[in-house]
């Protein structure tokens, strides 16, 4: 059985400032790499959190059909938001518990829609800790940011 993994990362030079996102998509059969695809993009004026969200969104939106996928991110903001906070935000009309508008609500909504088609497992890894796929996603995010610096 083929397993899908997406390693995602975002980067920003200044916060806000120019930013980029990167994704390493891998299809594995056991320990054997079947297929790999790299994605990147960026914006001239953004935040790190927005780039982290766009990495996850783009990973999911690249999948042509419903799939089971594990997304590995170094962003506690994304992992905690999508596995926990988002449920309350949706119930509260995209307001926080303090009744304030959710920051980046349009991206959270896009992520919610993108993940609804799939069976997603979310995992967090420590960033800049020598995890090869996370380091590659970081390099892609920096490459995505480069045209905007």
N, C-alpha and C. Protein backbone atom coordinates (compact mmCIF):
# COMPACT_ATOMS: atom_id res chain seq x y z
N UNK A 1 0.84 -1.19 0.00
CA UNK A 1 0.00 0.00 0.00
C UNK A 1 0.88 1.25 0.00
N UNK A 2 0.52 2.21 -0.82
CA UNK A 2 1.27 3.46 -0.91
C UNK A 2 0.80 4.40 0.19
N UNK A 3 1.76 5.02 0.87
CA UNK A 3 1.47 6.01 1.89
C UNK A 3 1.96 7.36 1.40
N UNK A 4 1.15 8.40 1.64
CA UNK A 4 1.52 9.76 1.24
C UNK A 4 1.95 10.57 2.46
N UNK A 5 3.00 11.35 2.25
CA UNK A 5 3.51 12.25 3.28
C UNK A 5 3.75 13.61 2.65
N UNK A 6 3.45 14.66 3.40
CA UNK A 6 3.77 16.03 2.97
C UNK A 6 4.52 16.69 4.11
N UNK A 7 5.72 17.14 3.81
CA UNK A 7 6.54 17.89 4.75
C UNK A 7 6.41 19.35 4.35
N UNK A 8 5.93 20.18 5.27
CA UNK A 8 5.60 21.57 4.93
C UNK A 8 6.37 22.55 5.80
N UNK A 9 6.66 23.72 5.23
CA UNK A 9 7.31 24.77 6.01
C UNK A 9 7.02 26.13 5.38
N UNK A 10 7.07 27.14 6.21
CA UNK A 10 6.94 28.51 5.76
C UNK A 10 8.12 29.32 6.27
N UNK A 11 8.42 30.41 5.59
CA UNK A 11 9.51 31.29 5.99
C UNK A 11 9.12 32.73 5.70
N UNK A 12 9.69 33.62 6.49
CA UNK A 12 9.41 35.04 6.29
C UNK A 12 10.65 35.83 6.68
N UNK A 13 10.97 36.84 5.89
CA UNK A 13 12.10 37.72 6.18
C UNK A 13 11.51 39.01 6.74
N UNK A 14 11.56 39.12 8.06
CA UNK A 14 10.76 40.13 8.73
C UNK A 14 9.39 39.52 8.91
N UNK A 15 8.64 39.97 9.85
CA UNK A 15 7.33 39.36 10.08
C UNK A 15 6.37 40.47 10.49
N UNK A 16 5.73 41.20 9.55
CA UNK A 16 5.58 40.84 8.14
C UNK A 16 6.78 41.24 7.29
N UNK A 17 6.74 40.68 6.08
CA UNK A 17 7.78 40.93 5.09
C UNK A 17 7.62 39.95 3.95
N UNK A 18 8.63 39.85 3.08
CA UNK A 18 8.56 38.84 2.02
C UNK A 18 8.59 37.45 2.64
N UNK A 19 7.82 36.53 2.06
CA UNK A 19 7.75 35.19 2.62
C UNK A 19 7.61 34.12 1.56
N UNK A 20 7.83 32.89 1.98
CA UNK A 20 7.71 31.76 1.07
C UNK A 20 7.22 30.52 1.80
N UNK A 21 6.74 29.59 1.02
CA UNK A 21 6.30 28.30 1.56
C UNK A 21 6.90 27.19 0.71
N UNK A 22 7.09 26.03 1.33
CA UNK A 22 7.65 24.89 0.62
C UNK A 22 7.02 23.59 1.07
N UNK A 23 6.97 22.64 0.15
CA UNK A 23 6.37 21.33 0.41
C UNK A 23 7.20 20.25 -0.26
N UNK A 24 7.46 19.19 0.47
CA UNK A 24 8.01 17.96 -0.10
C UNK A 24 6.89 16.92 0.00
N UNK A 25 6.36 16.51 -1.15
CA UNK A 25 5.31 15.48 -1.21
C UNK A 25 5.97 14.15 -1.56
N UNK A 26 5.70 13.13 -0.77
CA UNK A 26 6.30 11.83 -1.02
C UNK A 26 5.26 10.72 -0.99
N UNK A 27 5.36 9.84 -1.97
CA UNK A 27 4.59 8.60 -1.98
C UNK A 27 5.57 7.48 -1.66
N UNK A 28 5.26 6.71 -0.62
CA UNK A 28 6.14 5.65 -0.15
C UNK A 28 5.42 4.31 -0.14
N UNK A 29 6.15 3.26 -0.48
CA UNK A 29 5.66 1.90 -0.28
C UNK A 29 6.65 1.27 0.69
N UNK A 30 6.23 1.18 1.95
CA UNK A 30 7.15 0.75 2.98
C UNK A 30 8.25 1.79 3.10
N UNK A 31 9.50 1.35 2.99
CA UNK A 31 10.64 2.26 3.07
C UNK A 31 11.11 2.73 1.69
N UNK A 32 10.35 2.35 0.64
CA UNK A 32 10.77 2.67 -0.73
C UNK A 32 10.03 3.91 -1.24
N UNK A 33 10.82 4.88 -1.71
CA UNK A 33 10.25 6.08 -2.31
C UNK A 33 9.72 5.74 -3.70
N UNK A 34 8.42 5.98 -3.92
CA UNK A 34 7.78 5.70 -5.20
C UNK A 34 7.78 6.95 -6.08
N UNK A 35 7.48 8.09 -5.46
CA UNK A 35 7.39 9.33 -6.22
C UNK A 35 7.61 10.49 -5.25
N UNK A 36 8.25 11.55 -5.75
CA UNK A 36 8.45 12.74 -4.94
C UNK A 36 8.20 13.97 -5.79
N UNK A 37 7.59 14.95 -5.16
CA UNK A 37 7.32 16.23 -5.85
C UNK A 37 7.60 17.35 -4.87
N UNK A 38 8.20 18.41 -5.37
CA UNK A 38 8.49 19.57 -4.54
C UNK A 38 7.69 20.76 -5.04
N UNK A 39 7.15 21.53 -4.11
CA UNK A 39 6.34 22.70 -4.42
C UNK A 39 6.88 23.89 -3.64
N UNK A 40 6.74 25.08 -4.21
CA UNK A 40 7.14 26.29 -3.49
C UNK A 40 6.39 27.48 -4.06
N UNK A 41 6.32 28.51 -3.25
CA UNK A 41 5.69 29.76 -3.67
C UNK A 41 6.00 30.83 -2.65
N UNK A 42 5.54 32.03 -2.92
CA UNK A 42 5.81 33.10 -1.98
C UNK A 42 4.99 34.34 -2.27
N UNK A 43 5.14 35.31 -1.40
CA UNK A 43 4.44 36.58 -1.51
C UNK A 43 5.36 37.71 -1.07
N UNK A 44 5.10 38.90 -1.57
CA UNK A 44 5.94 40.06 -1.27
C UNK A 44 5.75 40.58 0.16
N UNK A 45 4.53 40.55 0.65
CA UNK A 45 4.23 41.09 1.97
C UNK A 45 3.31 40.13 2.70
N UNK A 46 3.86 39.41 3.68
CA UNK A 46 3.09 38.37 4.35
C UNK A 46 3.65 38.12 5.74
N UNK A 47 3.17 37.07 6.39
CA UNK A 47 3.69 36.68 7.71
C UNK A 47 4.10 35.21 7.68
N UNK A 48 4.89 34.84 8.64
CA UNK A 48 5.32 33.45 8.75
C UNK A 48 4.12 32.51 8.90
N UNK A 49 3.15 32.90 9.74
CA UNK A 49 1.98 32.03 9.94
C UNK A 49 1.21 31.82 8.64
N UNK A 50 1.06 32.86 7.84
CA UNK A 50 0.36 32.72 6.56
C UNK A 50 1.11 31.75 5.64
N UNK A 51 2.43 31.84 5.63
CA UNK A 51 3.22 30.95 4.78
C UNK A 51 3.14 29.50 5.27
N UNK A 52 3.13 29.29 6.58
CA UNK A 52 2.96 27.94 7.12
C UNK A 52 1.60 27.36 6.69
N UNK A 53 0.57 28.18 6.76
CA UNK A 53 -0.77 27.73 6.34
C UNK A 53 -0.79 27.43 4.84
N UNK A 54 -0.20 28.30 4.03
CA UNK A 54 -0.21 28.08 2.58
C UNK A 54 0.56 26.83 2.18
N UNK A 55 1.59 26.48 2.92
CA UNK A 55 2.32 25.24 2.62
C UNK A 55 1.38 24.05 2.78
N UNK A 56 0.67 23.99 3.90
CA UNK A 56 -0.26 22.87 4.13
C UNK A 56 -1.40 22.87 3.12
N UNK A 57 -1.94 24.04 2.83
CA UNK A 57 -3.03 24.16 1.86
C UNK A 57 -2.58 23.66 0.49
N UNK A 58 -1.44 24.11 0.03
CA UNK A 58 -0.96 23.71 -1.29
C UNK A 58 -0.65 22.22 -1.36
N UNK A 59 -0.15 21.65 -0.28
CA UNK A 59 0.09 20.21 -0.26
C UNK A 59 -1.22 19.46 -0.51
N UNK A 60 -2.27 19.85 0.19
CA UNK A 60 -3.56 19.16 0.06
C UNK A 60 -4.23 19.45 -1.28
N UNK A 61 -4.13 20.68 -1.75
CA UNK A 61 -4.79 21.03 -3.01
C UNK A 61 -4.12 20.39 -4.22
N UNK A 62 -2.89 19.91 -4.07
CA UNK A 62 -2.20 19.24 -5.18
C UNK A 62 -2.73 17.83 -5.44
N UNK A 63 -3.40 17.27 -4.44
CA UNK A 63 -3.86 15.88 -4.57
C UNK A 63 -5.09 15.84 -5.47
N UNK A 64 -4.98 15.08 -6.55
CA UNK A 64 -6.04 15.05 -7.57
C UNK A 64 -7.29 14.33 -7.10
N UNK A 65 -7.12 13.38 -6.18
CA UNK A 65 -8.29 12.63 -5.69
C UNK A 65 -8.15 12.45 -4.18
N UNK A 66 -9.24 12.11 -3.51
CA UNK A 66 -9.18 11.92 -2.06
C UNK A 66 -8.09 10.90 -1.69
N UNK A 67 -7.38 11.22 -0.61
CA UNK A 67 -6.24 10.39 -0.23
C UNK A 67 -6.09 10.36 1.29
N UNK A 68 -5.34 9.38 1.75
CA UNK A 68 -4.90 9.33 3.13
C UNK A 68 -3.48 9.89 3.14
N UNK A 69 -3.25 10.91 3.94
CA UNK A 69 -1.97 11.60 3.92
C UNK A 69 -1.58 12.01 5.34
N UNK A 70 -0.29 11.98 5.60
CA UNK A 70 0.26 12.51 6.85
C UNK A 70 1.00 13.80 6.51
N UNK A 71 0.61 14.88 7.18
CA UNK A 71 1.28 16.16 7.00
C UNK A 71 2.18 16.40 8.20
N UNK A 72 3.45 16.62 7.91
CA UNK A 72 4.44 16.86 8.94
C UNK A 72 4.84 18.33 8.86
N UNK A 73 4.61 19.07 9.93
CA UNK A 73 4.87 20.50 9.97
C UNK A 73 5.69 20.84 11.21
N UNK A 74 6.48 21.90 11.12
CA UNK A 74 7.17 22.39 12.32
C UNK A 74 6.41 23.56 12.94
N UNK A 75 5.20 23.79 12.46
CA UNK A 75 4.37 24.89 12.95
C UNK A 75 3.33 24.39 13.95
N UNK A 76 3.55 24.71 15.22
CA UNK A 76 2.55 24.37 16.24
C UNK A 76 1.25 25.15 15.96
N UNK A 77 1.39 26.35 15.40
CA UNK A 77 0.23 27.17 15.04
C UNK A 77 -0.69 26.41 14.08
N UNK A 78 -0.12 25.84 13.03
CA UNK A 78 -0.93 25.09 12.05
C UNK A 78 -1.48 23.81 12.68
N UNK A 79 -0.62 23.02 13.30
CA UNK A 79 -1.07 21.74 13.84
C UNK A 79 -2.15 21.94 14.91
N UNK A 80 -1.89 22.83 15.86
CA UNK A 80 -2.86 23.05 16.93
C UNK A 80 -4.14 23.69 16.40
N UNK A 81 -3.98 24.59 15.44
CA UNK A 81 -5.16 25.24 14.86
C UNK A 81 -6.06 24.27 14.15
N UNK A 82 -5.48 23.42 13.30
CA UNK A 82 -6.29 22.53 12.46
C UNK A 82 -6.82 21.32 13.24
N UNK A 83 -6.14 20.92 14.30
CA UNK A 83 -6.61 19.75 15.06
C UNK A 83 -7.44 20.13 16.28
N UNK A 84 -7.43 21.40 16.64
CA UNK A 84 -8.16 21.80 17.85
C UNK A 84 -8.96 23.07 17.71
N UNK A 85 -8.26 24.19 17.57
CA UNK A 85 -8.92 25.50 17.63
C UNK A 85 -9.98 25.70 16.57
N UNK A 86 -9.78 25.12 15.40
CA UNK A 86 -10.67 25.38 14.26
C UNK A 86 -12.13 24.98 14.55
N UNK A 87 -12.30 23.96 15.37
CA UNK A 87 -13.66 23.49 15.67
C UNK A 87 -14.46 24.57 16.41
N UNK A 88 -13.83 25.22 17.39
CA UNK A 88 -14.49 26.31 18.11
C UNK A 88 -14.70 27.53 17.22
N UNK A 89 -13.70 27.83 16.39
CA UNK A 89 -13.83 28.97 15.49
C UNK A 89 -15.03 28.80 14.56
N UNK A 90 -15.19 27.60 14.03
CA UNK A 90 -16.32 27.34 13.12
C UNK A 90 -17.64 27.50 13.88
N UNK A 91 -17.71 26.95 15.07
CA UNK A 91 -18.93 27.06 15.90
C UNK A 91 -19.24 28.52 16.21
N UNK A 92 -18.18 29.33 16.40
CA UNK A 92 -18.35 30.73 16.80
C UNK A 92 -18.38 31.69 15.61
N UNK A 93 -18.60 31.18 14.42
CA UNK A 93 -18.66 32.05 13.25
C UNK A 93 -17.32 32.70 12.93
N UNK A 94 -16.24 31.94 13.09
CA UNK A 94 -14.88 32.39 12.82
C UNK A 94 -14.46 33.55 13.73
N UNK A 95 -14.89 33.41 14.98
CA UNK A 95 -14.46 34.32 16.04
C UNK A 95 -13.72 33.48 17.10
N UNK A 96 -12.76 34.13 17.78
CA UNK A 96 -12.03 33.47 18.85
C UNK A 96 -12.93 33.38 20.09
N UNK A 97 -12.43 32.71 21.10
CA UNK A 97 -13.16 32.62 22.36
C UNK A 97 -13.39 34.02 22.95
N UNK A 98 -12.49 34.95 22.63
CA UNK A 98 -12.63 36.34 23.09
C UNK A 98 -13.53 37.16 22.16
N UNK A 99 -14.20 36.49 21.22
CA UNK A 99 -15.15 37.12 20.29
C UNK A 99 -14.47 38.05 19.28
N UNK A 100 -13.18 37.87 19.06
CA UNK A 100 -12.45 38.65 18.06
C UNK A 100 -12.34 37.82 16.78
N UNK A 101 -12.25 38.49 15.61
CA UNK A 101 -12.12 37.73 14.36
C UNK A 101 -10.84 36.88 14.38
N UNK A 102 -10.94 35.68 13.86
CA UNK A 102 -9.78 34.78 13.76
C UNK A 102 -8.80 35.37 12.75
N UNK A 103 -7.53 35.45 13.15
CA UNK A 103 -6.51 35.92 12.20
C UNK A 103 -6.33 34.88 11.11
N UNK A 104 -6.17 35.34 9.89
CA UNK A 104 -5.97 34.47 8.72
C UNK A 104 -7.18 33.56 8.47
N UNK A 105 -8.37 34.04 8.81
CA UNK A 105 -9.58 33.21 8.70
C UNK A 105 -9.77 32.65 7.30
N UNK A 106 -9.47 33.45 6.26
CA UNK A 106 -9.69 32.96 4.89
C UNK A 106 -8.77 31.78 4.59
N UNK A 107 -7.57 31.79 5.15
CA UNK A 107 -6.66 30.65 4.93
C UNK A 107 -7.07 29.45 5.76
N UNK A 108 -7.53 29.67 6.99
CA UNK A 108 -8.04 28.55 7.80
C UNK A 108 -9.25 27.91 7.11
N UNK A 109 -10.12 28.73 6.53
CA UNK A 109 -11.28 28.19 5.82
C UNK A 109 -10.85 27.40 4.60
N UNK A 110 -9.86 27.90 3.89
CA UNK A 110 -9.34 27.19 2.71
C UNK A 110 -8.70 25.86 3.13
N UNK A 111 -7.96 25.88 4.23
CA UNK A 111 -7.35 24.65 4.74
C UNK A 111 -8.42 23.66 5.18
N UNK A 112 -9.45 24.15 5.83
CA UNK A 112 -10.55 23.29 6.28
C UNK A 112 -11.23 22.62 5.09
N UNK A 113 -11.46 23.37 4.03
CA UNK A 113 -12.06 22.82 2.81
C UNK A 113 -11.13 21.80 2.16
N UNK A 114 -9.84 22.15 2.08
CA UNK A 114 -8.87 21.26 1.43
C UNK A 114 -8.73 19.94 2.17
N UNK A 115 -8.73 19.99 3.49
CA UNK A 115 -8.54 18.74 4.23
C UNK A 115 -9.81 17.90 4.31
N UNK A 116 -10.97 18.51 4.08
CA UNK A 116 -12.23 17.78 4.17
C UNK A 116 -12.31 16.65 3.13
N UNK A 117 -11.61 16.78 2.01
CA UNK A 117 -11.62 15.75 0.96
C UNK A 117 -10.76 14.54 1.31
N UNK A 118 -9.91 14.68 2.33
CA UNK A 118 -8.89 13.68 2.59
C UNK A 118 -8.96 13.15 4.02
N UNK A 119 -8.24 12.06 4.25
CA UNK A 119 -8.04 11.52 5.59
C UNK A 119 -6.65 11.97 6.01
N UNK A 120 -6.59 13.03 6.83
CA UNK A 120 -5.32 13.68 7.15
C UNK A 120 -4.91 13.38 8.59
N UNK A 121 -3.66 12.99 8.75
CA UNK A 121 -3.03 12.89 10.06
C UNK A 121 -2.02 14.02 10.13
N UNK A 122 -2.05 14.77 11.22
CA UNK A 122 -1.14 15.90 11.40
C UNK A 122 -0.08 15.54 12.42
N UNK A 123 1.19 15.81 12.07
CA UNK A 123 2.30 15.56 12.98
C UNK A 123 3.17 16.80 13.05
N UNK A 124 3.68 17.05 14.25
CA UNK A 124 4.59 18.18 14.47
C UNK A 124 6.00 17.66 14.67
N UNK A 125 6.97 18.35 14.06
CA UNK A 125 8.39 18.08 14.31
C UNK A 125 9.06 19.40 14.68
N UNK A 126 10.10 19.30 15.47
CA UNK A 126 10.87 20.49 15.83
C UNK A 126 11.60 21.00 14.59
N UNK A 127 11.45 22.28 14.30
CA UNK A 127 12.12 22.87 13.14
C UNK A 127 13.60 23.09 13.38
N UNK A 128 14.36 23.09 12.32
CA UNK A 128 15.80 23.35 12.37
C UNK A 128 16.51 22.42 13.34
N UNK A 129 16.07 21.16 13.35
CA UNK A 129 16.63 20.17 14.26
C UNK A 129 17.25 19.00 13.50
N UNK A 130 17.55 19.21 12.21
CA UNK A 130 18.23 18.18 11.44
C UNK A 130 17.31 17.14 10.82
N UNK A 131 16.00 17.37 10.84
CA UNK A 131 15.05 16.45 10.19
C UNK A 131 15.18 16.70 8.68
N UNK A 132 15.71 15.75 7.89
CA UNK A 132 16.06 16.03 6.49
C UNK A 132 14.91 16.58 5.64
N UNK A 133 13.72 16.01 5.76
CA UNK A 133 12.60 16.46 4.93
C UNK A 133 12.12 17.84 5.36
N UNK A 134 12.16 18.12 6.67
CA UNK A 134 11.79 19.44 7.16
C UNK A 134 12.81 20.47 6.70
N UNK A 135 14.08 20.10 6.71
CA UNK A 135 15.12 21.01 6.22
C UNK A 135 14.93 21.30 4.73
N UNK A 136 14.53 20.27 3.97
CA UNK A 136 14.29 20.47 2.53
C UNK A 136 13.09 21.39 2.31
N UNK A 137 12.02 21.18 3.09
CA UNK A 137 10.84 22.05 2.98
C UNK A 137 11.21 23.49 3.32
N UNK A 138 12.08 23.67 4.31
CA UNK A 138 12.55 25.00 4.68
C UNK A 138 13.33 25.63 3.53
N UNK A 139 14.20 24.86 2.89
CA UNK A 139 14.97 25.37 1.75
C UNK A 139 14.04 25.78 0.61
N UNK A 140 12.99 24.99 0.37
CA UNK A 140 12.01 25.33 -0.67
C UNK A 140 11.26 26.62 -0.31
N UNK A 141 10.90 26.76 0.98
CA UNK A 141 10.22 27.98 1.42
C UNK A 141 11.10 29.20 1.19
N UNK A 142 12.38 29.06 1.49
CA UNK A 142 13.31 30.18 1.28
C UNK A 142 13.48 30.48 -0.22
N UNK A 143 13.48 29.42 -1.03
CA UNK A 143 13.55 29.61 -2.49
C UNK A 143 12.27 30.29 -2.99
N UNK A 144 11.12 29.94 -2.40
CA UNK A 144 9.86 30.57 -2.78
C UNK A 144 9.81 32.04 -2.42
N UNK A 145 10.52 32.39 -1.35
CA UNK A 145 10.56 33.78 -0.88
C UNK A 145 11.55 34.62 -1.71
N UNK A 146 12.57 33.99 -2.26
CA UNK A 146 13.69 34.70 -2.90
C UNK A 146 13.27 35.76 -3.93
N UNK A 147 12.30 35.50 -4.80
CA UNK A 147 11.94 36.52 -5.80
C UNK A 147 11.36 37.79 -5.19
N UNK A 148 10.94 37.74 -3.93
CA UNK A 148 10.25 38.88 -3.31
C UNK A 148 11.14 39.68 -2.36
N UNK A 149 12.40 39.22 -2.19
CA UNK A 149 13.31 39.92 -1.26
C UNK A 149 13.95 41.13 -1.92
